[in-house]
Protein backbone atom coordinates (compact mmCIF):
# COMPACT_ATOMS: atom_id res chain seq x y z
CA UNK A 1 67.93 135.19 114.71
CA UNK A 2 70.71 132.78 115.79
CA UNK A 3 68.62 129.83 114.71
CA UNK A 4 68.96 130.86 111.05
CA UNK A 5 72.74 130.54 111.30
CA UNK A 6 72.42 127.03 112.73
CA UNK A 7 69.87 126.04 110.08
CA UNK A 8 72.15 127.24 107.26
CA UNK A 9 75.12 125.46 108.88
CA UNK A 10 73.17 122.18 109.09
CA UNK A 11 72.15 122.49 105.42
CA UNK A 12 75.72 123.25 104.28
CA UNK A 13 77.18 120.40 106.34
CA UNK A 14 74.51 118.04 104.98
CA UNK A 15 75.41 118.96 101.41
CA UNK A 16 79.10 118.37 102.16
CA UNK A 17 78.33 114.94 103.66
CA UNK A 18 76.18 113.96 100.68
CA UNK A 19 78.93 115.05 98.30
CA UNK A 20 81.75 113.24 100.11
CA UNK A 21 79.98 110.32 101.86
CA UNK A 22 82.87 109.80 104.26
CA UNK A 23 81.04 109.95 107.61
CA UNK A 24 82.93 113.01 108.76
CA UNK A 25 80.50 115.94 108.70
CA UNK A 26 77.41 113.89 109.55
CA UNK A 27 78.31 114.11 113.25
CA UNK A 28 78.44 117.89 113.02
CA UNK A 29 75.09 117.88 111.22
CA UNK A 30 73.65 116.11 114.26
CA UNK A 31 75.33 118.51 116.68
CA UNK A 32 74.14 121.39 114.48
CA UNK A 33 70.55 120.19 114.83
CA UNK A 34 71.01 120.08 118.60
CA UNK A 35 72.51 123.59 118.51
CA UNK A 36 69.58 124.76 116.36
CA UNK A 37 67.10 123.50 118.95
CA UNK A 38 69.13 124.92 121.86
CA UNK A 39 69.32 128.34 120.16
CA UNK A 40 65.59 128.76 120.86
CA UNK A 41 66.16 128.34 124.60
CA UNK A 42 69.73 129.61 125.17
CA UNK A 43 70.51 133.10 123.91
CA UNK A 44 74.25 132.99 124.65
CA UNK A 45 75.94 132.16 121.32
CA UNK A 46 79.18 131.09 123.03
CA UNK A 47 77.42 128.38 125.04
CA UNK A 48 75.52 127.02 122.01
CA UNK A 49 78.70 127.10 119.89
CA UNK A 50 80.64 125.24 122.58
CA UNK A 51 77.93 122.58 122.82
CA UNK A 52 77.94 122.27 119.01
CA UNK A 53 81.71 121.80 118.84
CA UNK A 54 82.03 119.44 121.81
CA UNK A 55 79.06 117.28 120.80
CA UNK A 56 80.33 117.04 117.21
CA UNK A 57 83.79 115.98 118.34
CA UNK A 58 82.43 113.47 120.87
CA UNK A 59 80.11 111.94 118.26
CA UNK A 60 82.92 111.84 115.70
CA UNK A 61 85.35 109.96 117.93
CA UNK A 62 82.86 107.65 119.63
CA UNK A 63 80.51 106.58 116.87
CA UNK A 64 82.43 106.94 113.60
CA UNK A 65 84.58 103.81 114.13
CA UNK A 66 81.46 101.76 114.82
CA UNK A 67 79.65 102.96 111.71
CA UNK A 68 82.77 102.64 109.56
CA UNK A 69 83.00 98.94 110.47
CA UNK A 70 79.29 98.39 109.81
CA UNK A 71 79.37 100.14 106.44
CA UNK A 72 82.71 98.68 105.29
CA UNK A 73 82.19 96.57 102.16
CA UNK A 74 82.89 92.91 102.67
CA UNK A 75 85.38 91.19 100.39
CA UNK A 76 83.29 89.15 98.03
CA UNK A 77 84.79 86.51 95.82
CA UNK A 78 84.82 87.26 92.13
CA UNK A 79 84.26 84.74 89.37
CA UNK A 80 88.02 84.59 88.92
CA UNK A 81 88.56 83.49 92.52
CA UNK A 82 86.61 80.30 91.92
CA UNK A 83 89.44 78.84 89.82
CA UNK A 84 91.99 79.07 92.63
CA UNK A 85 92.79 75.52 93.68
CA UNK A 86 91.54 74.00 90.41
CA UNK A 87 93.64 71.95 88.02
CA UNK A 88 94.58 73.17 84.55
CA UNK A 89 96.68 71.91 81.65
CA UNK A 90 99.78 73.71 80.37
CA UNK A 91 99.27 74.58 76.69
CA UNK A 92 102.42 76.67 76.26
CA UNK A 93 105.58 75.93 78.21
CA UNK A 94 106.06 77.95 81.37
CA UNK A 95 109.69 78.80 82.02
CA UNK A 96 110.91 79.86 85.44
CA UNK A 97 109.39 83.30 86.15
CA UNK A 98 108.35 83.71 82.52
CA UNK A 99 104.84 83.75 81.12
CA UNK A 100 103.38 80.59 79.63
CA UNK A 101 99.81 79.48 79.03
CA UNK A 102 97.34 77.26 80.90
CA UNK A 103 93.92 76.04 79.88
CA UNK A 104 91.32 75.79 82.61
CA UNK A 105 87.56 75.41 82.26
CA UNK A 106 87.94 75.73 78.49
CA UNK A 107 89.66 79.11 78.71
CA UNK A 108 93.31 79.95 78.10
CA UNK A 109 95.13 82.01 80.70
CA UNK A 110 98.59 83.51 80.92
CA UNK A 111 100.45 81.80 83.73
CA UNK A 112 103.70 82.05 85.65
CA UNK A 113 105.53 79.67 87.94
CA UNK A 114 108.79 79.60 89.86
CA UNK A 115 109.71 76.33 88.09
CA UNK A 116 109.79 75.18 84.47
CA UNK A 117 106.61 73.30 83.51
CA UNK A 118 106.30 71.51 80.17
CA UNK A 119 103.31 71.40 77.80
CA UNK A 120 100.67 68.84 78.75
CA UNK A 121 101.48 68.83 82.49
CA UNK A 122 98.72 69.40 85.02
CA UNK A 123 99.06 72.45 87.25
CA UNK A 124 97.22 73.74 90.30
CA UNK A 125 96.19 77.37 90.33
CA UNK A 126 97.57 78.98 93.49
CA UNK A 127 96.67 82.63 92.97
CA UNK A 128 95.84 85.34 90.47
CA UNK A 129 98.20 88.29 90.01
CA UNK A 130 96.67 90.87 87.73
CA UNK A 131 95.63 88.85 84.67
CA UNK A 132 98.11 86.00 85.17
CA UNK A 133 97.65 82.76 87.05
CA UNK A 134 100.30 81.71 89.53
CA UNK A 135 100.58 77.95 89.17
CA UNK A 136 102.54 74.99 90.48
CA UNK A 137 102.93 71.57 88.96
CA UNK A 138 100.40 69.02 90.16
CA UNK A 139 101.87 66.12 92.15
């Protein structure tokens, strides 16, 4: 009869893992399956429960960091990142730490700089902060 408890526990923990997808309860699902199998051979509930808890904790602390690194999304460049380092033309004067406008690849962007840059000057795109380009005057 103990095996029913372990089966229900594995199902509940599996549902929680599917709902959260945070690699926390999956290790206890695995230890629950082991406990389910052991419950057919070991009748002492305390021993099976101890094995369940210890195995779950050991799996959690030993394998979770490895899987978290493997499943961590890699930083992929966006289309916006491709303009960093390119040259644009100032179409609206950029005053020190105030928004101006730069045209790059045929598109107009809001831009800021730590120096005043006049209309018609070439600028190099250094970074993107929100929806504004951070630029510096081209040498």
